[in-house]
Each structure stands twice: as C-alpha cells, then as structure tokens.
Amino acid sequence: MLERIRFRQALPRDASDQAEVFHHAIMEGAAGHYTLAQREAWASSLPRTAEAWAARQVLYPTLVAECDGHCIGFCERDATAGRIETLYVWPSVARQGIGARLLALSIKAVRESGIAEVSIEASLMLASSLSGRGWETLGEEWVERRGERLPRVGMRLPPESSGE
C-alpha cells in the first residue's frame, strides 16, 4: 500500500477529506478504546466542514498521506512548541505504516525548526504504539469534550530518539 502513497504538505483541497478522516478515525478506529458517547463528543469537537480544516492548515503545518488523489491520513504539528497536534488515518488503511511515516516526517520537520524534544497528547490507541518506539510517558491526563471526559496520555520524544 505504501508504494501508492505520496506524503506532502496539505493543500486547501485536502480539507474536506481531512474532516472525513478525522470523523471516521475517531468513530471507527478508536471504538476499542473509547465509549460511543466519548467518541461522539470527540468527533463533534471540530466541525465536519472543509472550512474548519482549511483554517487549521493555516494554524498548524499539516502533512497528508495522499492515495489516488485523496487524503487518507494527516498529521498537524506546532513546530514552535515542538508538539504534534493531531495524527489521524482512515480506519481501513490503519496499521499499514501510514501514520508512522506521517509522524516520522513531522518529527523531522519539528527538529529541523530547531526544537529537539517533541511532545504529544496521545489517544489511548496511539499511546500504546508510541511507548514501544522511544516515546516516554509523562502521565495520563483528561480532556473534556462536550461534557465527556476523554483520557489521553502526555508523551515526549527525547532528542536522542527517532521515534521509529
């Protein structure tokens, strides 16, 4: 699958696909880690519109994974803070290395901006895969979305680790 995927900076035309990837990654992909009420609250925390995601592209440099002309995954970063903001992959192509590649490219971009340590507030689903790749767990935290408490894990990638 990876041979058909192109990794590049997001374009405004990717925004509607990003909205769909976000929604489905949460509602389907996170089903084993969060209740339906938690997933509905999480998915509704951002509008399911191209305009909302195009605005986020301005705030956060975003890498997308494109296959056959469509965004099937994306990773937003805040390079000035050294933080990965989001990482989502379409559920039917999850666990095929797409998210790992998006994350590796984003980490590289953060470090090239002069920040050596990278952080993330990872979902329970993502945290389990990061912990075996050099990411250090800082502790569980909670975020509230539309009245639902969602657990997540604060993590950091030390300068000497690649995260792969």
N, C-alpha and C. Protein backbone atom coordinates (compact mmCIF):
# COMPACT_ATOMS: atom_id res chain seq x y z
N MET A 1 0.82 -1.20 0.00
CA MET A 1 0.00 0.00 0.00
C MET A 1 0.86 1.27 0.00
N LEU A 2 1.94 1.26 0.79
CA LEU A 2 2.77 2.46 0.90
C LEU A 2 3.34 2.93 -0.44
N GLU A 3 3.53 2.01 -1.38
CA GLU A 3 4.08 2.42 -2.67
C GLU A 3 3.13 3.32 -3.46
N ARG A 4 1.85 3.31 -3.15
CA ARG A 4 0.86 4.16 -3.84
C ARG A 4 0.62 5.48 -3.11
N ILE A 5 1.29 5.68 -2.01
CA ILE A 5 1.00 6.85 -1.18
C ILE A 5 2.08 7.91 -1.36
N ARG A 6 1.64 9.12 -1.46
CA ARG A 6 2.52 10.28 -1.55
C ARG A 6 2.33 11.10 -0.28
N PHE A 7 3.43 11.50 0.34
CA PHE A 7 3.39 12.33 1.54
C PHE A 7 3.79 13.74 1.14
N ARG A 8 2.95 14.71 1.51
CA ARG A 8 3.20 16.09 1.10
C ARG A 8 2.50 17.05 2.06
N GLN A 9 2.80 18.33 1.88
CA GLN A 9 2.12 19.37 2.66
C GLN A 9 0.66 19.43 2.23
N ALA A 10 -0.21 19.69 3.20
CA ALA A 10 -1.64 19.80 2.91
C ALA A 10 -1.94 21.01 2.04
N LEU A 11 -2.95 20.85 1.23
CA LEU A 11 -3.47 21.92 0.38
C LEU A 11 -4.92 22.18 0.78
N PRO A 12 -5.44 23.36 0.48
CA PRO A 12 -6.85 23.63 0.82
C PRO A 12 -7.81 22.56 0.28
N ARG A 13 -7.50 21.98 -0.86
CA ARG A 13 -8.39 20.95 -1.42
C ARG A 13 -8.44 19.67 -0.57
N ASP A 14 -7.49 19.51 0.36
CA ASP A 14 -7.47 18.34 1.24
C ASP A 14 -8.41 18.48 2.43
N ALA A 15 -8.87 19.67 2.69
CA ALA A 15 -9.60 19.95 3.93
C ALA A 15 -10.86 19.10 4.11
N SER A 16 -11.64 18.92 3.06
CA SER A 16 -12.86 18.11 3.23
C SER A 16 -12.51 16.65 3.51
N ASP A 17 -11.45 16.15 2.89
CA ASP A 17 -11.00 14.78 3.20
C ASP A 17 -10.50 14.69 4.64
N GLN A 18 -9.80 15.72 5.10
CA GLN A 18 -9.33 15.72 6.48
C GLN A 18 -10.50 15.61 7.45
N ALA A 19 -11.57 16.35 7.18
CA ALA A 19 -12.74 16.30 8.05
C ALA A 19 -13.29 14.87 8.13
N GLU A 20 -13.31 14.18 7.00
CA GLU A 20 -13.82 12.82 6.98
C GLU A 20 -12.87 11.83 7.65
N VAL A 21 -11.57 12.00 7.41
CA VAL A 21 -10.58 11.13 8.06
C VAL A 21 -10.70 11.28 9.57
N PHE A 22 -10.76 12.52 10.05
CA PHE A 22 -10.89 12.80 11.49
C PHE A 22 -12.12 12.09 12.04
N HIS A 23 -13.26 12.29 11.42
CA HIS A 23 -14.52 11.72 11.91
C HIS A 23 -14.45 10.18 11.95
N HIS A 24 -14.06 9.57 10.86
CA HIS A 24 -14.06 8.10 10.80
C HIS A 24 -12.96 7.48 11.66
N ALA A 25 -11.81 8.12 11.75
CA ALA A 25 -10.74 7.60 12.61
C ALA A 25 -11.21 7.53 14.05
N ILE A 26 -11.98 8.52 14.46
CA ILE A 26 -12.49 8.53 15.84
C ILE A 26 -13.64 7.54 16.00
N MET A 27 -14.64 7.66 15.14
CA MET A 27 -15.84 6.85 15.31
C MET A 27 -15.60 5.36 15.08
N GLU A 28 -14.74 5.01 14.15
CA GLU A 28 -14.47 3.60 13.87
C GLU A 28 -13.15 3.15 14.49
N GLY A 29 -12.10 3.91 14.22
CA GLY A 29 -10.76 3.49 14.63
C GLY A 29 -10.55 3.45 16.14
N ALA A 30 -11.19 4.34 16.86
CA ALA A 30 -11.00 4.41 18.31
C ALA A 30 -12.06 3.64 19.09
N ALA A 31 -12.89 2.87 18.39
CA ALA A 31 -14.01 2.18 19.04
C ALA A 31 -13.57 1.22 20.15
N GLY A 32 -12.41 0.64 20.02
CA GLY A 32 -11.95 -0.29 21.05
C GLY A 32 -11.38 0.36 22.29
N HIS A 33 -11.26 1.70 22.29
CA HIS A 33 -10.62 2.39 23.40
C HIS A 33 -11.51 3.43 24.09
N TYR A 34 -12.56 3.85 23.41
CA TYR A 34 -13.44 4.89 23.95
C TYR A 34 -14.90 4.48 23.75
N THR A 35 -15.76 4.90 24.66
CA THR A 35 -17.18 4.60 24.53
C THR A 35 -17.78 5.38 23.36
N LEU A 36 -18.97 4.99 22.95
CA LEU A 36 -19.66 5.69 21.88
C LEU A 36 -19.89 7.15 22.25
N ALA A 37 -20.30 7.40 23.49
CA ALA A 37 -20.54 8.78 23.92
C ALA A 37 -19.25 9.60 23.87
N GLN A 38 -18.15 9.02 24.28
CA GLN A 38 -16.86 9.72 24.22
C GLN A 38 -16.47 10.01 22.78
N ARG A 39 -16.62 9.03 21.90
CA ARG A 39 -16.26 9.21 20.50
C ARG A 39 -17.15 10.24 19.82
N GLU A 40 -18.43 10.24 20.13
CA GLU A 40 -19.33 11.24 19.54
C GLU A 40 -18.95 12.64 20.00
N ALA A 41 -18.61 12.79 21.28
CA ALA A 41 -18.20 14.09 21.80
C ALA A 41 -16.89 14.54 21.16
N TRP A 42 -15.95 13.63 21.04
CA TRP A 42 -14.65 13.93 20.44
C TRP A 42 -14.83 14.31 18.98
N ALA A 43 -15.57 13.51 18.23
CA ALA A 43 -15.75 13.77 16.80
C ALA A 43 -16.48 15.09 16.54
N SER A 44 -17.37 15.47 17.45
CA SER A 44 -18.12 16.72 17.25
C SER A 44 -17.39 17.94 17.79
N SER A 45 -16.19 17.74 18.32
CA SER A 45 -15.44 18.88 18.88
C SER A 45 -14.89 19.80 17.79
N LEU A 46 -14.82 19.30 16.57
CA LEU A 46 -14.41 20.12 15.42
C LEU A 46 -15.45 19.96 14.32
N PRO A 47 -15.81 21.04 13.66
CA PRO A 47 -16.81 20.93 12.60
C PRO A 47 -16.37 19.99 11.49
N ARG A 48 -17.34 19.31 10.93
CA ARG A 48 -17.07 18.37 9.83
C ARG A 48 -17.21 19.12 8.51
N THR A 49 -16.45 20.22 8.41
CA THR A 49 -16.51 21.06 7.22
C THR A 49 -15.11 21.33 6.68
N ALA A 50 -15.04 21.53 5.39
CA ALA A 50 -13.76 21.84 4.76
C ALA A 50 -13.21 23.16 5.30
N GLU A 51 -14.09 24.13 5.54
CA GLU A 51 -13.65 25.44 6.01
C GLU A 51 -12.90 25.35 7.34
N ALA A 52 -13.40 24.53 8.24
CA ALA A 52 -12.75 24.38 9.55
C ALA A 52 -11.36 23.78 9.41
N TRP A 53 -11.24 22.79 8.55
CA TRP A 53 -9.94 22.13 8.39
C TRP A 53 -8.98 22.97 7.57
N ALA A 54 -9.48 23.75 6.65
CA ALA A 54 -8.61 24.67 5.90
C ALA A 54 -8.04 25.72 6.86
N ALA A 55 -8.86 26.18 7.80
CA ALA A 55 -8.39 27.15 8.79
C ALA A 55 -7.31 26.52 9.67
N ARG A 56 -7.46 25.25 10.02
CA ARG A 56 -6.44 24.57 10.83
C ARG A 56 -5.12 24.45 10.05
N GLN A 57 -5.20 24.28 8.74
CA GLN A 57 -3.98 24.20 7.94
C GLN A 57 -3.16 25.48 8.05
N VAL A 58 -3.84 26.60 8.25
CA VAL A 58 -3.14 27.88 8.41
C VAL A 58 -2.47 27.93 9.78
N LEU A 59 -3.15 27.40 10.80
CA LEU A 59 -2.61 27.41 12.17
C LEU A 59 -1.47 26.41 12.37
N TYR A 60 -1.64 25.23 11.80
CA TYR A 60 -0.69 24.14 12.02
C TYR A 60 -0.20 23.58 10.68
N PRO A 61 1.10 23.62 10.44
CA PRO A 61 1.61 22.95 9.23
C PRO A 61 1.13 21.50 9.26
N THR A 62 0.61 21.05 8.15
CA THR A 62 -0.03 19.73 8.09
C THR A 62 0.55 18.91 6.95
N LEU A 63 0.95 17.69 7.28
CA LEU A 63 1.37 16.73 6.27
C LEU A 63 0.20 15.80 5.99
N VAL A 64 0.01 15.45 4.73
CA VAL A 64 -1.04 14.49 4.39
C VAL A 64 -0.43 13.30 3.68
N ALA A 65 -1.12 12.19 3.82
CA ALA A 65 -0.84 10.99 3.04
C ALA A 65 -1.92 10.95 1.97
N GLU A 66 -1.51 10.98 0.72
CA GLU A 66 -2.45 11.01 -0.40
C GLU A 66 -2.38 9.70 -1.17
N CYS A 67 -3.53 9.16 -1.49
CA CYS A 67 -3.61 7.96 -2.30
C CYS A 67 -4.72 8.17 -3.32
N ASP A 68 -4.40 7.99 -4.58
CA ASP A 68 -5.37 8.17 -5.67
C ASP A 68 -6.08 9.52 -5.59
N GLY A 69 -5.33 10.55 -5.24
CA GLY A 69 -5.86 11.90 -5.23
C GLY A 69 -6.64 12.30 -3.99
N HIS A 70 -6.68 11.43 -2.98
CA HIS A 70 -7.43 11.74 -1.76
C HIS A 70 -6.54 11.65 -0.52
N CYS A 71 -6.78 12.54 0.41
CA CYS A 71 -6.10 12.50 1.71
C CYS A 71 -6.67 11.32 2.49
N ILE A 72 -5.78 10.40 2.92
CA ILE A 72 -6.22 9.25 3.70
C ILE A 72 -5.63 9.27 5.11
N GLY A 73 -4.83 10.30 5.39
CA GLY A 73 -4.25 10.46 6.71
C GLY A 73 -3.57 11.80 6.78
N PHE A 74 -3.42 12.33 8.01
CA PHE A 74 -2.75 13.62 8.15
C PHE A 74 -2.17 13.77 9.55
N CYS A 75 -1.20 14.66 9.63
CA CYS A 75 -0.53 14.95 10.90
C CYS A 75 -0.28 16.45 10.96
N GLU A 76 -0.81 17.08 12.01
CA GLU A 76 -0.60 18.52 12.23
C GLU A 76 0.48 18.69 13.29
N ARG A 77 1.27 19.75 13.14
CA ARG A 77 2.32 20.00 14.12
C ARG A 77 2.36 21.48 14.48
N ASP A 78 2.85 21.73 15.67
CA ASP A 78 3.15 23.09 16.12
C ASP A 78 4.65 23.10 16.35
N ALA A 79 5.37 23.48 15.31
CA ALA A 79 6.84 23.40 15.37
C ALA A 79 7.42 24.35 16.40
N THR A 80 6.79 25.49 16.63
CA THR A 80 7.34 26.43 17.62
C THR A 80 7.23 25.88 19.04
N ALA A 81 6.22 25.05 19.29
CA ALA A 81 6.07 24.45 20.61
C ALA A 81 6.67 23.05 20.67
N GLY A 82 7.11 22.53 19.51
CA GLY A 82 7.67 21.18 19.49
C GLY A 82 6.62 20.11 19.76
N ARG A 83 5.40 20.33 19.26
CA ARG A 83 4.30 19.44 19.60
C ARG A 83 3.60 18.92 18.33
N ILE A 84 3.27 17.65 18.38
CA ILE A 84 2.41 17.05 17.37
C ILE A 84 0.99 17.32 17.84
N GLU A 85 0.21 18.00 17.02
CA GLU A 85 -1.16 18.36 17.39
C GLU A 85 -2.14 17.22 17.14
N THR A 86 -2.09 16.65 15.95
CA THR A 86 -3.01 15.56 15.60
C THR A 86 -2.32 14.57 14.68
N LEU A 87 -2.83 13.34 14.72
CA LEU A 87 -2.40 12.29 13.80
C LEU A 87 -3.61 11.38 13.59
N TYR A 88 -4.14 11.37 12.38
CA TYR A 88 -5.32 10.55 12.07
C TYR A 88 -5.11 9.85 10.73
N VAL A 89 -5.58 8.60 10.67
CA VAL A 89 -5.50 7.81 9.44
C VAL A 89 -6.86 7.14 9.23
N TRP A 90 -7.30 7.08 7.97
CA TRP A 90 -8.56 6.43 7.62
C TRP A 90 -8.52 5.00 8.17
N PRO A 91 -9.56 4.56 8.88
CA PRO A 91 -9.52 3.25 9.55
C PRO A 91 -9.20 2.05 8.66
N SER A 92 -9.69 2.03 7.44
CA SER A 92 -9.46 0.85 6.59
C SER A 92 -8.01 0.71 6.14
N VAL A 93 -7.21 1.76 6.28
CA VAL A 93 -5.79 1.67 5.91
C VAL A 93 -4.87 1.86 7.12
N ALA A 94 -5.46 1.83 8.31
CA ALA A 94 -4.66 1.96 9.54
C ALA A 94 -3.78 0.72 9.71
N ARG A 95 -2.74 0.87 10.47
CA ARG A 95 -1.81 -0.21 10.80
C ARG A 95 -1.04 -0.73 9.58
N GLN A 96 -0.81 0.17 8.63
CA GLN A 96 -0.04 -0.21 7.45
C GLN A 96 1.19 0.68 7.29
N GLY A 97 1.53 1.44 8.33
CA GLY A 97 2.72 2.28 8.29
C GLY A 97 2.48 3.72 7.86
N ILE A 98 1.26 4.06 7.51
CA ILE A 98 0.96 5.41 7.05
C ILE A 98 1.11 6.42 8.18
N GLY A 99 0.51 6.12 9.32
CA GLY A 99 0.62 7.01 10.48
C GLY A 99 2.06 7.13 10.96
N ALA A 100 2.77 6.01 10.96
CA ALA A 100 4.17 6.03 11.40
C ALA A 100 5.01 6.93 10.49
N ARG A 101 4.75 6.87 9.20
CA ARG A 101 5.50 7.70 8.24
C ARG A 101 5.14 9.17 8.40
N LEU A 102 3.84 9.46 8.54
CA LEU A 102 3.42 10.85 8.78
C LEU A 102 4.08 11.40 10.04
N LEU A 103 4.10 10.59 11.09
CA LEU A 103 4.69 11.03 12.35
C LEU A 103 6.19 11.25 12.21
N ALA A 104 6.89 10.33 11.55
CA ALA A 104 8.34 10.47 11.37
C ALA A 104 8.68 11.73 10.59
N LEU A 105 7.94 12.00 9.53
CA LEU A 105 8.19 13.21 8.74
C LEU A 105 7.89 14.48 9.54
N SER A 106 6.86 14.43 10.37
CA SER A 106 6.52 15.58 11.20
C SER A 106 7.55 15.83 12.29
N ILE A 107 8.04 14.76 12.89
CA ILE A 107 9.10 14.88 13.89
C ILE A 107 10.34 15.51 13.25
N LYS A 108 10.68 15.03 12.07
CA LYS A 108 11.83 15.59 11.35
C LYS A 108 11.64 17.08 11.11
N ALA A 109 10.46 17.49 10.69
CA ALA A 109 10.18 18.91 10.44
C ALA A 109 10.29 19.74 11.71
N VAL A 110 9.79 19.22 12.82
CA VAL A 110 9.90 19.94 14.10
C VAL A 110 11.37 20.10 14.47
N ARG A 111 12.12 19.04 14.35
CA ARG A 111 13.54 19.10 14.72
C ARG A 111 14.34 20.00 13.78
N GLU A 112 13.98 20.01 12.51
CA GLU A 112 14.66 20.91 11.57
C GLU A 112 14.36 22.37 11.88
N SER A 113 13.29 22.62 12.60
CA SER A 113 12.97 24.00 13.00
C SER A 113 13.77 24.43 14.23
N GLY A 114 14.57 23.51 14.77
CA GLY A 114 15.44 23.85 15.89
C GLY A 114 14.98 23.34 17.24
N ILE A 115 13.91 22.58 17.30
CA ILE A 115 13.42 22.05 18.57
C ILE A 115 13.72 20.55 18.60
N ALA A 116 14.48 20.13 19.60
CA ALA A 116 14.95 18.75 19.64
C ALA A 116 13.95 17.80 20.30
N GLU A 117 13.22 18.26 21.31
CA GLU A 117 12.28 17.40 22.02
C GLU A 117 10.87 17.62 21.48
N VAL A 118 10.18 16.54 21.20
CA VAL A 118 8.84 16.59 20.63
C VAL A 118 7.86 16.02 21.65
N SER A 119 6.67 16.62 21.72
CA SER A 119 5.65 16.12 22.64
C SER A 119 4.34 15.87 21.90
N ILE A 120 3.48 15.10 22.55
CA ILE A 120 2.16 14.80 22.01
C ILE A 120 1.23 14.45 23.16
N GLU A 121 -0.03 14.79 23.00
CA GLU A 121 -1.07 14.28 23.90
C GLU A 121 -1.76 13.19 23.09
N ALA A 122 -1.40 11.95 23.36
CA ALA A 122 -1.82 10.83 22.52
C ALA A 122 -3.11 10.19 23.04
N SER A 123 -3.93 9.76 22.09
CA SER A 123 -5.10 8.96 22.46
C SER A 123 -4.60 7.65 23.05
N LEU A 124 -5.49 6.94 23.72
CA LEU A 124 -5.11 5.65 24.28
C LEU A 124 -4.65 4.69 23.18
N MET A 125 -5.27 4.78 22.01
CA MET A 125 -4.91 3.93 20.89
C MET A 125 -3.49 4.23 20.40
N LEU A 126 -3.15 5.49 20.25
CA LEU A 126 -1.84 5.88 19.75
C LEU A 126 -0.75 5.67 20.81
N ALA A 127 -1.07 5.96 22.06
CA ALA A 127 -0.07 5.86 23.12
C ALA A 127 0.55 4.47 23.22
N SER A 128 -0.27 3.45 23.05
CA SER A 128 0.27 2.09 23.17
C SER A 128 1.31 1.79 22.11
N SER A 129 1.14 2.33 20.90
CA SER A 129 2.15 2.07 19.87
C SER A 129 3.37 2.96 20.02
N LEU A 130 3.20 4.15 20.56
CA LEU A 130 4.35 5.06 20.73
C LEU A 130 5.28 4.61 21.86
N SER A 131 4.73 4.01 22.89
CA SER A 131 5.56 3.65 24.05
C SER A 131 6.65 2.65 23.68
N GLY A 132 6.47 1.87 22.67
CA GLY A 132 7.50 0.93 22.25
C GLY A 132 8.46 1.51 21.23
N ARG A 133 8.34 2.80 20.95
CA ARG A 133 9.17 3.42 19.92
C ARG A 133 10.03 4.57 20.46
N GLY A 134 10.33 4.55 21.72
CA GLY A 134 11.21 5.55 22.29
C GLY A 134 10.51 6.74 22.93
N TRP A 135 9.19 6.79 22.84
CA TRP A 135 8.44 7.88 23.47
C TRP A 135 8.32 7.59 24.97
N GLU A 136 8.51 8.60 25.77
CA GLU A 136 8.38 8.47 27.23
C GLU A 136 7.01 8.95 27.66
N THR A 137 6.39 8.18 28.55
CA THR A 137 5.08 8.54 29.08
C THR A 137 5.25 9.52 30.22
N LEU A 138 4.55 10.65 30.12
CA LEU A 138 4.59 11.66 31.17
C LEU A 138 3.43 11.49 32.14
N GLY A 139 2.41 10.79 31.72
CA GLY A 139 1.27 10.53 32.58
C GLY A 139 -0.05 10.67 31.85
N GLU A 140 -1.06 10.05 32.44
CA GLU A 140 -2.39 10.14 31.85
C GLU A 140 -3.02 11.47 32.25
N GLU A 141 -3.76 12.02 31.34
CA GLU A 141 -4.48 13.26 31.59
C GLU A 141 -5.87 13.10 31.01
N TRP A 142 -6.71 14.06 31.29
CA TRP A 142 -8.08 14.03 30.81
C TRP A 142 -8.40 15.33 30.11
N VAL A 143 -9.18 15.23 29.06
CA VAL A 143 -9.66 16.40 28.36
C VAL A 143 -11.18 16.26 28.27
N GLU A 144 -11.88 17.37 28.41
CA GLU A 144 -13.34 17.30 28.31
C GLU A 144 -13.79 17.80 26.95
N ARG A 145 -14.65 17.02 26.35
CA ARG A 145 -15.26 17.37 25.08
C ARG A 145 -16.76 17.19 25.21
N ARG A 146 -17.49 18.30 25.10
CA ARG A 146 -18.96 18.27 25.14
C ARG A 146 -19.50 17.45 26.30
N GLY A 147 -18.93 17.67 27.47
CA GLY A 147 -19.40 17.02 28.69
C GLY A 147 -18.86 15.63 28.93
N GLU A 148 -18.08 15.11 28.03
CA GLU A 148 -17.48 13.77 28.20
C GLU A 148 -16.00 13.92 28.53
N ARG A 149 -15.55 13.14 29.51
CA ARG A 149 -14.12 13.13 29.85
C ARG A 149 -13.44 12.04 29.03
N LEU A 150 -12.38 12.47 28.35
CA LEU A 150 -11.62 11.53 27.50
C LEU A 150 -10.21 11.40 28.03
N PRO A 151 -9.79 10.18 28.33
CA PRO A 151 -8.40 10.01 28.77
C PRO A 151 -7.45 10.09 27.59
N ARG A 152 -6.28 10.63 27.85
CA ARG A 152 -5.20 10.66 26.87
C ARG A 152 -3.89 10.59 27.64
N VAL A 153 -2.80 10.45 26.93
CA VAL A 153 -1.51 10.24 27.57
C VAL A 153 -0.54 11.31 27.07
N GLY A 154 0.03 12.06 28.01
CA GLY A 154 1.08 13.01 27.67
C GLY A 154 2.37 12.24 27.44
N MET A 155 3.03 12.51 26.31
CA MET A 155 4.25 11.79 25.97
C MET A 155 5.27 12.76 25.40
N ARG A 156 6.53 12.36 25.49
CA ARG A 156 7.61 13.16 24.91
C ARG A 156 8.61 12.23 24.24
N LEU A 157 9.20 12.75 23.18
CA LEU A 157 10.24 12.03 22.46
C LEU A 157 11.54 12.77 22.71
N PRO A 158 12.46 12.16 23.47
CA PRO A 158 13.72 12.83 23.78
C PRO A 158 14.55 13.10 22.51
N PRO A 159 15.44 14.08 22.58
CA PRO A 159 16.24 14.45 21.41
C PRO A 159 17.03 13.30 20.81
N GLU A 160 17.48 12.36 21.61
CA GLU A 160 18.32 11.27 21.11
C GLU A 160 17.52 10.13 20.46
N SER A 161 16.19 10.21 20.48
CA SER A 161 15.36 9.15 19.93
C SER A 161 14.69 9.58 18.63
N SER A 162 14.57 8.65 17.69
CA SER A 162 13.94 8.97 16.41
C SER A 162 12.44 8.72 16.43
N GLY A 163 11.96 7.92 17.39
CA GLY A 163 10.54 7.63 17.48
C GLY A 163 10.08 6.53 16.53
N GLU A 164 11.00 5.89 15.85
CA GLU A 164 10.60 4.84 14.89
C GLU A 164 10.84 3.46 15.46
